[in-house]
Amino acid sequence: MMSDRIDDATEAIKKATTAGGKALEDGYESAREYGERTLDYADQVSGGLADFVRREPLVAVGAALLIGYLAAQFVRRIPA
């Protein structure tokens, strides 16, 4: 009777451990795939941006100046 309860508890712990390990593996795999997709996307964006800067350097410099000015205005308005 007592040994049956111990066996049941042991089996439940084994099942929970197996399920937890599987969940961790699945989570790790999902995070790895998401990271790879993000890096691929960032690579595509940076390549496209580099091409744009080569084609339109003046527009790119103007955009960088505008973004810097807007960022400075935003930062100045944040209370210290």
C-alpha atoms as a PDB file:
ATOM      1  CA  MET A   1       0.000   0.000   0.000  1.00  0.00           C
ATOM      2  CA  MET A   2       2.661   2.499   0.990  1.00  0.00           C
ATOM      3  CA  SER A   3       4.958   1.179  -1.703  1.00  0.00           C
ATOM      4  CA  ASP A   4       2.169   1.688  -4.274  1.00  0.00           C
ATOM      5  CA  ARG A   5       1.924   5.345  -3.286  1.00  0.00           C
ATOM      6  CA  ILE A   6       5.684   5.746  -3.519  1.00  0.00           C
ATOM      7  CA  ASP A   7       5.680   4.067  -6.925  1.00  0.00           C
ATOM      8  CA  ASP A   8       2.848   6.342  -8.089  1.00  0.00           C
ATOM      9  CA  ALA A   9       4.675   9.424  -6.820  1.00  0.00           C
ATOM     10  CA  THR A  10       7.898   8.287  -8.463  1.00  0.00           C
ATOM     11  CA  GLU A  11       6.096   7.737 -11.767  1.00  0.00           C
ATOM     12  CA  ALA A  12       4.432  11.152 -11.541  1.00  0.00           C
ATOM     13  CA  ILE A  13       7.800  12.798 -10.893  1.00  0.00           C
ATOM     14  CA  LYS A  14       9.344  10.984 -13.862  1.00  0.00           C
ATOM     15  CA  LYS A  15       6.482  12.089 -16.136  1.00  0.00           C
ATOM     16  CA  ALA A  16       6.733  15.697 -14.919  1.00  0.00           C
ATOM     17  CA  THR A  17      10.494  15.691 -15.388  1.00  0.00           C
ATOM     18  CA  THR A  18      10.163  14.296 -18.909  1.00  0.00           C
ATOM     19  CA  ALA A  19       7.451  16.820 -19.802  1.00  0.00           C
ATOM     20  CA  GLY A  20       9.507  19.681 -18.347  1.00  0.00           C
ATOM     21  CA  GLY A  21      12.601  18.612 -20.263  1.00  0.00           C
ATOM     22  CA  LYS A  22      10.605  18.393 -23.490  1.00  0.00           C
ATOM     23  CA  ALA A  23       9.136  21.857 -22.898  1.00  0.00           C
ATOM     24  CA  LEU A  24      12.625  23.272 -22.322  1.00  0.00           C
ATOM     25  CA  GLU A  25      13.930  21.650 -25.505  1.00  0.00           C
ATOM     26  CA  ASP A  26      10.981  22.982 -27.507  1.00  0.00           C
ATOM     27  CA  GLY A  27      11.422  26.460 -26.034  1.00  0.00           C
ATOM     28  CA  TYR A  28      15.139  26.462 -26.779  1.00  0.00           C
ATOM     29  CA  GLU A  29      14.525  25.310 -30.351  1.00  0.00           C
ATOM     30  CA  SER A  30      11.868  27.981 -30.892  1.00  0.00           C
ATOM     31  CA  ALA A  31      14.144  30.691 -29.502  1.00  0.00           C
ATOM     32  CA  ARG A  32      17.019  29.510 -31.698  1.00  0.00           C
ATOM     33  CA  GLU A  33      14.838  29.525 -34.830  1.00  0.00           C
ATOM     34  CA  TYR A  34      13.489  32.994 -33.963  1.00  0.00           C
ATOM     35  CA  GLY A  35      17.036  34.266 -33.464  1.00  0.00           C
ATOM     36  CA  GLU A  36      18.129  32.870 -36.817  1.00  0.00           C
ATOM     37  CA  ARG A  37      15.159  34.461 -38.600  1.00  0.00           C
ATOM     38  CA  THR A  38      15.875  37.782 -36.890  1.00  0.00           C
ATOM     39  CA  LEU A  39      19.528  37.685 -37.940  1.00  0.00           C
ATOM     40  CA  ASP A  40      18.537  36.833 -41.526  1.00  0.00           C
ATOM     41  CA  TYR A  41      16.100  39.746 -41.580  1.00  0.00           C
ATOM     42  CA  ALA A  42      18.673  42.137 -40.116  1.00  0.00           C
ATOM     43  CA  ASP A  43      21.164  41.006 -42.742  1.00  0.00           C
ATOM     44  CA  GLN A  44      18.646  41.705 -45.517  1.00  0.00           C
ATOM     45  CA  VAL A  45      17.793  45.131 -44.099  1.00  0.00           C
ATOM     46  CA  SER A  46      21.429  46.148 -43.668  1.00  0.00           C
ATOM     47  CA  GLY A  47      22.221  44.988 -47.196  1.00  0.00           C
ATOM     48  CA  GLY A  48      19.304  46.986 -48.586  1.00  0.00           C
ATOM     49  CA  LEU A  49      20.319  50.026 -46.559  1.00  0.00           C
ATOM     50  CA  ALA A  50      23.909  49.808 -47.789  1.00  0.00           C
ATOM     51  CA  ASP A  51      22.675  49.625 -51.384  1.00  0.00           C
ATOM     52  CA  PHE A  52      20.457  52.669 -50.822  1.00  0.00           C
ATOM     53  CA  VAL A  53      23.343  54.671 -49.333  1.00  0.00           C
ATOM     54  CA  ARG A  54      25.510  53.809 -52.335  1.00  0.00           C
ATOM     55  CA  ARG A  55      22.774  54.890 -54.762  1.00  0.00           C
ATOM     56  CA  GLU A  56      21.610  58.003 -52.878  1.00  0.00           C
ATOM     57  CA  PRO A  57      24.384  59.235 -50.556  1.00  0.00           C
ATOM     58  CA  LEU A  58      23.023  62.773 -50.176  1.00  0.00           C
ATOM     59  CA  VAL A  59      19.556  61.564 -49.256  1.00  0.00           C
ATOM     60  CA  ALA A  60      21.094  59.137 -46.759  1.00  0.00           C
ATOM     61  CA  VAL A  61      23.174  61.874 -45.121  1.00  0.00           C
ATOM     62  CA  GLY A  62      20.144  64.175 -44.998  1.00  0.00           C
ATOM     63  CA  ALA A  63      18.040  61.424 -43.423  1.00  0.00           C
ATOM     64  CA  ALA A  64      20.766  60.714 -40.854  1.00  0.00           C
ATOM     65  CA  LEU A  65      20.939  64.396 -39.928  1.00  0.00           C
ATOM     66  CA  LEU A  66      17.158  64.618 -39.614  1.00  0.00           C
ATOM     67  CA  ILE A  67      16.995  61.502 -37.451  1.00  0.00           C
ATOM     68  CA  GLY A  68      19.807  62.830 -35.258  1.00  0.00           C
ATOM     69  CA  TYR A  69      18.080  66.195 -34.869  1.00  0.00           C
ATOM     70  CA  LEU A  70      14.759  64.579 -33.966  1.00  0.00           C
ATOM     71  CA  ALA A  71      16.463  62.244 -31.490  1.00  0.00           C
ATOM     72  CA  ALA A  72      18.236  65.201 -29.851  1.00  0.00           C
ATOM     73  CA  GLN A  73      14.943  67.088 -29.531  1.00  0.00           C
ATOM     74  CA  PHE A  74      13.309  64.057 -27.986  1.00  0.00           C
ATOM     75  CA  VAL A  75      16.155  63.521 -25.506  1.00  0.00           C
ATOM     76  CA  ARG A  76      16.157  67.208 -24.519  1.00  0.00           C
ATOM     77  CA  ARG A  77      12.485  66.990 -23.568  1.00  0.00           C
ATOM     78  CA  ILE A  78      12.976  64.052 -21.195  1.00  0.00           C
ATOM     79  CA  PRO A  79      13.127  65.356 -17.628  1.00  0.00           C
ATOM     80  CA  ALA A  80      16.414  64.641 -15.875  1.00  0.00           C
END
